[in-house]
Protein backbone atom coordinates (compact mmCIF):
# COMPACT_ATOMS: atom_id res chain seq x y z
CA UNK A 1 -3.38 3.05 7.23
CA UNK A 2 0.34 2.99 6.48
CA UNK A 3 2.48 5.44 8.47
CA UNK A 4 6.03 4.19 7.81
CA UNK A 5 7.77 3.41 4.54
CA UNK A 6 10.30 0.68 3.75
CA UNK A 7 13.05 -0.06 1.24
CA UNK A 8 14.66 3.36 1.09
CA UNK A 9 11.42 5.28 0.51
CA UNK A 10 10.76 8.36 2.60
CA UNK A 11 7.82 10.76 2.73
CA UNK A 12 9.57 13.39 0.55
CA UNK A 13 9.52 10.70 -2.20
CA UNK A 14 5.70 10.70 -2.15
CA UNK A 15 4.10 13.59 -4.03
CA UNK A 16 0.75 12.19 -5.14
CA UNK A 17 -1.63 9.27 -4.97
CA UNK A 18 0.12 7.88 -8.07
CA UNK A 19 3.34 7.67 -6.04
CA UNK A 20 1.45 5.91 -3.25
CA UNK A 21 0.02 3.40 -5.72
CA UNK A 22 3.50 2.79 -7.17
CA UNK A 23 4.82 2.18 -3.65
CA UNK A 24 2.01 -0.31 -3.00
CA UNK A 25 2.71 -2.16 -6.25
CA UNK A 26 6.51 -2.22 -6.09
CA UNK A 27 7.39 -2.34 -2.41
CA UNK A 28 4.34 -3.87 -0.76
CA UNK A 29 3.74 -6.16 -3.77
CA UNK A 30 -0.01 -5.59 -3.71
CA UNK A 31 -1.44 -6.87 -7.00
CA UNK A 32 -3.00 -4.01 -8.96
CA UNK A 33 -6.27 -5.88 -9.43
CA UNK A 34 -6.84 -5.85 -5.65
CA UNK A 35 -6.36 -2.09 -5.17
CA UNK A 36 -9.65 -0.23 -4.94
CA UNK A 37 -8.40 3.18 -3.80
CA UNK A 38 -5.41 4.99 -2.31
CA UNK A 39 -5.62 8.18 -0.32
CA UNK A 40 -2.52 10.23 0.43
CA UNK A 41 -2.52 11.96 3.81
CA UNK A 42 0.18 13.94 5.61
CA UNK A 43 2.99 11.39 6.15
CA UNK A 44 0.57 8.48 5.84
CA UNK A 45 -1.71 6.87 3.32
CA UNK A 46 -4.82 4.74 3.33
CA UNK A 47 -5.00 1.76 1.02
CA UNK A 48 -8.43 0.33 0.32
CA UNK A 49 -8.56 -3.14 -1.16
CA UNK A 50 -11.38 -4.67 -3.14
CA UNK A 51 -13.33 -6.96 -0.87
CA UNK A 52 -12.39 -10.56 -1.63
CA UNK A 53 -11.60 -13.41 0.65
CA UNK A 54 -9.31 -15.08 -1.87
CA UNK A 55 -6.22 -13.04 -0.93
CA UNK A 56 -6.44 -13.26 2.88
CA UNK A 57 -3.77 -15.97 3.04
CA UNK A 58 -1.51 -14.58 0.32
CA UNK A 59 2.00 -13.55 1.37
CA UNK A 60 1.59 -9.96 0.15
CA UNK A 61 -1.57 -9.56 2.25
CA UNK A 62 0.04 -10.93 5.41
CA UNK A 63 3.00 -8.58 4.89
CA UNK A 64 0.62 -5.68 4.31
CA UNK A 65 -1.09 -6.36 7.62
CA UNK A 66 2.30 -6.21 9.33
CA UNK A 67 2.99 -2.81 7.73
CA UNK A 68 -0.32 -1.31 8.78
């Protein structure tokens, strides 16, 4: 669950799940092939990753854990 945005993004910038996915790709640097689902909530979103152990030590994953 992500409740705060970085890099100049703010909740009024997020209108749909497509915007959430774009934020995940561009700002959080989550590779598209690892995204299973995104769910936009009120001033928060839930990112579900495909279950794989291969990314658990990747920089983007460690940074994602810090954002959650």
